[in-house]
């Protein structure tokens, strides 16, 4: 299913297109990797730094695979260790006449540690664990966010049987 959203970022026009996929190798350049990270009870981790609540994640470092990026960023931002991870799709973003890709994953939280400052920024992000029904109250990503949540919940439901 393809969903397109048009929005503004710092006054610039942005067009985001959702692509359901489980293969990151066809998307280049990958500029961000974010994950819908579930506790074993089914709550979703969200984080907040300066602006808005969002899913945890960030920018790949040199030669880092997307799943490695997600694991590192979630640990740095939220002091959370991930277990199982699976790519659910990608956002193709058009901004300033350039196209780049933001991967989205579903993941299971393996361990929640004491919250520490992000070593890159020195700031401690806020973290919260919300029910899926509360997700859109905090993360306002429109139709694309709805699709990410739906696909992530489908993966979580598959995993739930092996989590018991």
C-alpha atoms as a PDB file:
ATOM      1  CA  UNK A   1       0.000   0.000   0.000  1.00  0.00           C
ATOM      2  CA  UNK A   2       1.339   3.434  -0.901  1.00  0.00           C
ATOM      3  CA  UNK A   3       0.515   6.489   1.224  1.00  0.00           C
ATOM      4  CA  UNK A   4       1.763  10.001   0.492  1.00  0.00           C
ATOM      5  CA  UNK A   5       1.820  12.899   2.974  1.00  0.00           C
ATOM      6  CA  UNK A   6       2.754  16.497   2.221  1.00  0.00           C
ATOM      7  CA  UNK A   7       3.994  18.683   5.077  1.00  0.00           C
ATOM      8  CA  UNK A   8       6.439  21.437   6.031  1.00  0.00           C
ATOM      9  CA  UNK A   9       9.681  21.226   7.976  1.00  0.00           C
ATOM     10  CA  UNK A  10      11.199  24.541   9.024  1.00  0.00           C
ATOM     11  CA  UNK A  11       9.251  26.228   6.199  1.00  0.00           C
ATOM     12  CA  UNK A  12      10.373  23.731   3.524  1.00  0.00           C
ATOM     13  CA  UNK A  13       7.956  21.577   1.541  1.00  0.00           C
ATOM     14  CA  UNK A  14       8.362  17.862   2.232  1.00  0.00           C
ATOM     15  CA  UNK A  15       6.667  14.913   0.529  1.00  0.00           C
ATOM     16  CA  UNK A  16       6.802  11.546   2.297  1.00  0.00           C
ATOM     17  CA  UNK A  17       5.762   8.317   0.608  1.00  0.00           C
ATOM     18  CA  UNK A  18       5.281   5.095   2.597  1.00  0.00           C
ATOM     19  CA  UNK A  19       6.611   1.905   1.024  1.00  0.00           C
ATOM     20  CA  UNK A  20       5.933  -1.442   2.702  1.00  0.00           C
ATOM     21  CA  UNK A  21       9.120  -3.507   2.383  1.00  0.00           C
ATOM     22  CA  UNK A  22      11.335  -5.873   4.341  1.00  0.00           C
ATOM     23  CA  UNK A  23      14.491  -5.340   2.224  1.00  0.00           C
ATOM     24  CA  UNK A  24      16.601  -2.273   2.987  1.00  0.00           C
ATOM     25  CA  UNK A  25      19.203  -2.910   0.270  1.00  0.00           C
ATOM     26  CA  UNK A  26      17.166  -1.275  -2.494  1.00  0.00           C
ATOM     27  CA  UNK A  27      16.864   2.063  -0.679  1.00  0.00           C
ATOM     28  CA  UNK A  28      19.728   4.566  -0.961  1.00  0.00           C
ATOM     29  CA  UNK A  29      20.657   6.829   0.669  1.00  0.00           C
ATOM     30  CA  UNK A  30      19.326   5.724   4.057  1.00  0.00           C
ATOM     31  CA  UNK A  31      19.398   8.755   6.337  1.00  0.00           C
ATOM     32  CA  UNK A  32      17.385   7.523   9.314  1.00  0.00           C
ATOM     33  CA  UNK A  33      16.290   4.290  11.000  1.00  0.00           C
ATOM     34  CA  UNK A  34      13.452   4.327  13.558  1.00  0.00           C
ATOM     35  CA  UNK A  35      11.667   1.575  15.428  1.00  0.00           C
ATOM     36  CA  UNK A  36       8.341   0.823  17.032  1.00  0.00           C
ATOM     37  CA  UNK A  37       9.785  -0.851  20.126  1.00  0.00           C
ATOM     38  CA  UNK A  38       7.416  -2.969  22.214  1.00  0.00           C
ATOM     39  CA  UNK A  39       7.645  -4.084  25.804  1.00  0.00           C
ATOM     40  CA  UNK A  40       6.623  -7.711  26.348  1.00  0.00           C
ATOM     41  CA  UNK A  41       3.305  -6.330  27.667  1.00  0.00           C
ATOM     42  CA  UNK A  42       2.666  -4.534  24.363  1.00  0.00           C
ATOM     43  CA  UNK A  43       3.447  -0.925  25.272  1.00  0.00           C
ATOM     44  CA  UNK A  44       5.385   1.203  22.771  1.00  0.00           C
ATOM     45  CA  UNK A  45       8.505   3.198  23.616  1.00  0.00           C
ATOM     46  CA  UNK A  46       8.428   6.860  22.546  1.00  0.00           C
ATOM     47  CA  UNK A  47      11.062   9.509  23.229  1.00  0.00           C
ATOM     48  CA  UNK A  48      11.162  13.301  23.379  1.00  0.00           C
ATOM     49  CA  UNK A  49      14.162  15.589  23.150  1.00  0.00           C
ATOM     50  CA  UNK A  50      13.544  19.220  22.283  1.00  0.00           C
ATOM     51  CA  UNK A  51      10.406  19.200  20.138  1.00  0.00           C
ATOM     52  CA  UNK A  52       7.926  16.370  19.842  1.00  0.00           C
ATOM     53  CA  UNK A  53       7.389  12.810  20.936  1.00  0.00           C
ATOM     54  CA  UNK A  54       8.688  10.344  18.347  1.00  0.00           C
ATOM     55  CA  UNK A  55       9.865   6.809  17.850  1.00  0.00           C
ATOM     56  CA  UNK A  56      13.486   6.261  18.878  1.00  0.00           C
ATOM     57  CA  UNK A  57      16.134   6.022  16.186  1.00  0.00           C
ATOM     58  CA  UNK A  58      18.548   8.102  14.187  1.00  0.00           C
ATOM     59  CA  UNK A  59      21.247   8.344  11.561  1.00  0.00           C
ATOM     60  CA  UNK A  60      23.429   5.432  10.426  1.00  0.00           C
ATOM     61  CA  UNK A  61      27.144   5.697  11.081  1.00  0.00           C
ATOM     62  CA  UNK A  62      29.719   4.669   8.468  1.00  0.00           C
ATOM     63  CA  UNK A  63      29.415   0.992   7.400  1.00  0.00           C
ATOM     64  CA  UNK A  64      26.637   0.380   9.943  1.00  0.00           C
ATOM     65  CA  UNK A  65      23.753  -1.874   8.918  1.00  0.00           C
ATOM     66  CA  UNK A  66      20.258  -0.439   9.578  1.00  0.00           C
ATOM     67  CA  UNK A  67      19.455  -2.859  12.396  1.00  0.00           C
ATOM     68  CA  UNK A  68      22.755  -1.947  14.067  1.00  0.00           C
ATOM     69  CA  UNK A  69      21.793   1.726  13.770  1.00  0.00           C
ATOM     70  CA  UNK A  70      18.440   1.083  15.415  1.00  0.00           C
ATOM     71  CA  UNK A  71      19.961  -0.886  18.290  1.00  0.00           C
ATOM     72  CA  UNK A  72      22.652   1.754  18.923  1.00  0.00           C
ATOM     73  CA  UNK A  73      20.293   4.733  18.688  1.00  0.00           C
ATOM     74  CA  UNK A  74      17.641   3.176  20.960  1.00  0.00           C
ATOM     75  CA  UNK A  75      20.325   2.426  23.548  1.00  0.00           C
ATOM     76  CA  UNK A  76      21.795   5.958  23.282  1.00  0.00           C
ATOM     77  CA  UNK A  77      18.455   7.796  23.305  1.00  0.00           C
ATOM     78  CA  UNK A  78      16.374   5.689  25.671  1.00  0.00           C
ATOM     79  CA  UNK A  79      18.789   3.354  27.518  1.00  0.00           C
ATOM     80  CA  UNK A  80      16.860   0.395  26.125  1.00  0.00           C
ATOM     81  CA  UNK A  81      18.326  -2.854  24.756  1.00  0.00           C
ATOM     82  CA  UNK A  82      16.465  -4.436  21.847  1.00  0.00           C
ATOM     83  CA  UNK A  83      15.879  -8.099  21.142  1.00  0.00           C
ATOM     84  CA  UNK A  84      14.167  -9.207  17.932  1.00  0.00           C
ATOM     85  CA  UNK A  85      13.916  -6.574  15.156  1.00  0.00           C
ATOM     86  CA  UNK A  86      12.252  -6.665  11.747  1.00  0.00           C
ATOM     87  CA  UNK A  87      12.006  -4.059   9.008  1.00  0.00           C
ATOM     88  CA  UNK A  88       8.393  -3.229   8.156  1.00  0.00           C
ATOM     89  CA  UNK A  89       8.855  -0.501   5.583  1.00  0.00           C
ATOM     90  CA  UNK A  90      10.390   2.723   4.435  1.00  0.00           C
ATOM     91  CA  UNK A  91       9.520   6.351   4.039  1.00  0.00           C
ATOM     92  CA  UNK A  92      10.761   7.884   0.791  1.00  0.00           C
ATOM     93  CA  UNK A  93      11.260  11.581   1.503  1.00  0.00           C
ATOM     94  CA  UNK A  94      11.482  14.333  -1.114  1.00  0.00           C
ATOM     95  CA  UNK A  95      12.887  17.613   0.222  1.00  0.00           C
ATOM     96  CA  UNK A  96      14.910  20.326  -1.529  1.00  0.00           C
ATOM     97  CA  UNK A  97      14.631  18.298  -4.767  1.00  0.00           C
ATOM     98  CA  UNK A  98      16.525  15.407  -3.125  1.00  0.00           C
ATOM     99  CA  UNK A  99      15.189  11.944  -2.318  1.00  0.00           C
ATOM    100  CA  UNK A 100      16.326   9.987   0.721  1.00  0.00           C
ATOM    101  CA  UNK A 101      14.986   7.066   2.739  1.00  0.00           C
ATOM    102  CA  UNK A 102      13.994   6.520   6.359  1.00  0.00           C
ATOM    103  CA  UNK A 103      13.610   2.880   7.385  1.00  0.00           C
ATOM    104  CA  UNK A 104      11.052   1.720   9.935  1.00  0.00           C
ATOM    105  CA  UNK A 105      11.339  -1.382  12.114  1.00  0.00           C
ATOM    106  CA  UNK A 106       9.274  -3.246  14.671  1.00  0.00           C
ATOM    107  CA  UNK A 107      11.255  -4.479  17.688  1.00  0.00           C
ATOM    108  CA  UNK A 108      10.931  -6.189  21.042  1.00  0.00           C
ATOM    109  CA  UNK A 109      12.526  -4.591  24.103  1.00  0.00           C
ATOM    110  CA  UNK A 110      14.840  -6.984  25.890  1.00  0.00           C
ATOM    111  CA  UNK A 111      16.017  -4.726  28.748  1.00  0.00           C
ATOM    112  CA  UNK A 112      15.141  -1.292  30.137  1.00  0.00           C
ATOM    113  CA  UNK A 113      18.089   0.402  31.838  1.00  0.00           C
ATOM    114  CA  UNK A 114      18.362   3.531  33.955  1.00  0.00           C
ATOM    115  CA  UNK A 115      17.978   6.551  31.653  1.00  0.00           C
ATOM    116  CA  UNK A 116      21.304   8.236  30.826  1.00  0.00           C
ATOM    117  CA  UNK A 117      22.225  11.323  28.773  1.00  0.00           C
ATOM    118  CA  UNK A 118      22.761  10.808  25.035  1.00  0.00           C
ATOM    119  CA  UNK A 119      26.530  10.703  24.547  1.00  0.00           C
ATOM    120  CA  UNK A 120      26.295  12.793  21.334  1.00  0.00           C
ATOM    121  CA  UNK A 121      24.160  15.653  22.684  1.00  0.00           C
ATOM    122  CA  UNK A 122      24.696  15.378  26.433  1.00  0.00           C
ATOM    123  CA  UNK A 123      20.936  15.770  26.894  1.00  0.00           C
ATOM    124  CA  UNK A 124      18.728  13.227  28.599  1.00  0.00           C
ATOM    125  CA  UNK A 125      15.705  12.485  26.465  1.00  0.00           C
ATOM    126  CA  UNK A 126      12.352  11.801  28.022  1.00  0.00           C
ATOM    127  CA  UNK A 127      10.996   8.318  27.464  1.00  0.00           C
ATOM    128  CA  UNK A 128       7.516   6.998  27.876  1.00  0.00           C
ATOM    129  CA  UNK A 129       5.822   3.656  27.298  1.00  0.00           C
ATOM    130  CA  UNK A 130       2.350   4.076  25.811  1.00  0.00           C
ATOM    131  CA  UNK A 131      -0.470   1.755  24.840  1.00  0.00           C
ATOM    132  CA  UNK A 132      -0.927   1.361  21.071  1.00  0.00           C
ATOM    133  CA  UNK A 133      -4.304   3.128  21.431  1.00  0.00           C
ATOM    134  CA  UNK A 134      -2.439   6.201  22.794  1.00  0.00           C
ATOM    135  CA  UNK A 135       0.303   6.232  20.124  1.00  0.00           C
ATOM    136  CA  UNK A 136      -1.317   8.815  17.791  1.00  0.00           C
ATOM    137  CA  UNK A 137      -1.921  11.152  20.726  1.00  0.00           C
ATOM    138  CA  UNK A 138       1.863  11.566  21.008  1.00  0.00           C
ATOM    139  CA  UNK A 139       3.348  10.688  17.602  1.00  0.00           C
ATOM    140  CA  UNK A 140       1.472  12.706  14.998  1.00  0.00           C
ATOM    141  CA  UNK A 141       2.596  11.159  11.716  1.00  0.00           C
ATOM    142  CA  UNK A 142      -0.815  10.983  10.019  1.00  0.00           C
ATOM    143  CA  UNK A 143      -1.674   8.150   7.623  1.00  0.00           C
ATOM    144  CA  UNK A 144       1.939   7.008   7.429  1.00  0.00           C
ATOM    145  CA  UNK A 145       2.093   6.770  11.238  1.00  0.00           C
ATOM    146  CA  UNK A 146      -1.133   4.742  11.185  1.00  0.00           C
ATOM    147  CA  UNK A 147       0.420   2.312   8.693  1.00  0.00           C
ATOM    148  CA  UNK A 148       3.642   2.022  10.734  1.00  0.00           C
ATOM    149  CA  UNK A 149       1.611   1.301  13.877  1.00  0.00           C
ATOM    150  CA  UNK A 150      -0.601  -1.279  12.137  1.00  0.00           C
ATOM    151  CA  UNK A 151       2.334  -3.175  10.582  1.00  0.00           C
ATOM    152  CA  UNK A 152       4.306  -3.036  13.841  1.00  0.00           C
ATOM    153  CA  UNK A 153       1.356  -4.422  15.790  1.00  0.00           C
ATOM    154  CA  UNK A 154       1.049  -7.274  13.269  1.00  0.00           C
ATOM    155  CA  UNK A 155       4.695  -8.209  13.935  1.00  0.00           C
ATOM    156  CA  UNK A 156       4.260  -7.879  17.704  1.00  0.00           C
ATOM    157  CA  UNK A 157       1.242 -10.207  17.633  1.00  0.00           C
ATOM    158  CA  UNK A 158       3.319 -12.835  15.769  1.00  0.00           C
ATOM    159  CA  UNK A 159       6.124 -12.504  18.335  1.00  0.00           C
ATOM    160  CA  UNK A 160       3.808 -12.510  21.331  1.00  0.00           C
ATOM    161  CA  UNK A 161       3.273 -16.257  21.067  1.00  0.00           C
ATOM    162  CA  UNK A 162       7.030 -16.880  21.419  1.00  0.00           C
ATOM    163  CA  UNK A 163       7.448 -14.335  24.242  1.00  0.00           C
ATOM    164  CA  UNK A 164       5.443 -16.359  26.747  1.00  0.00           C
END
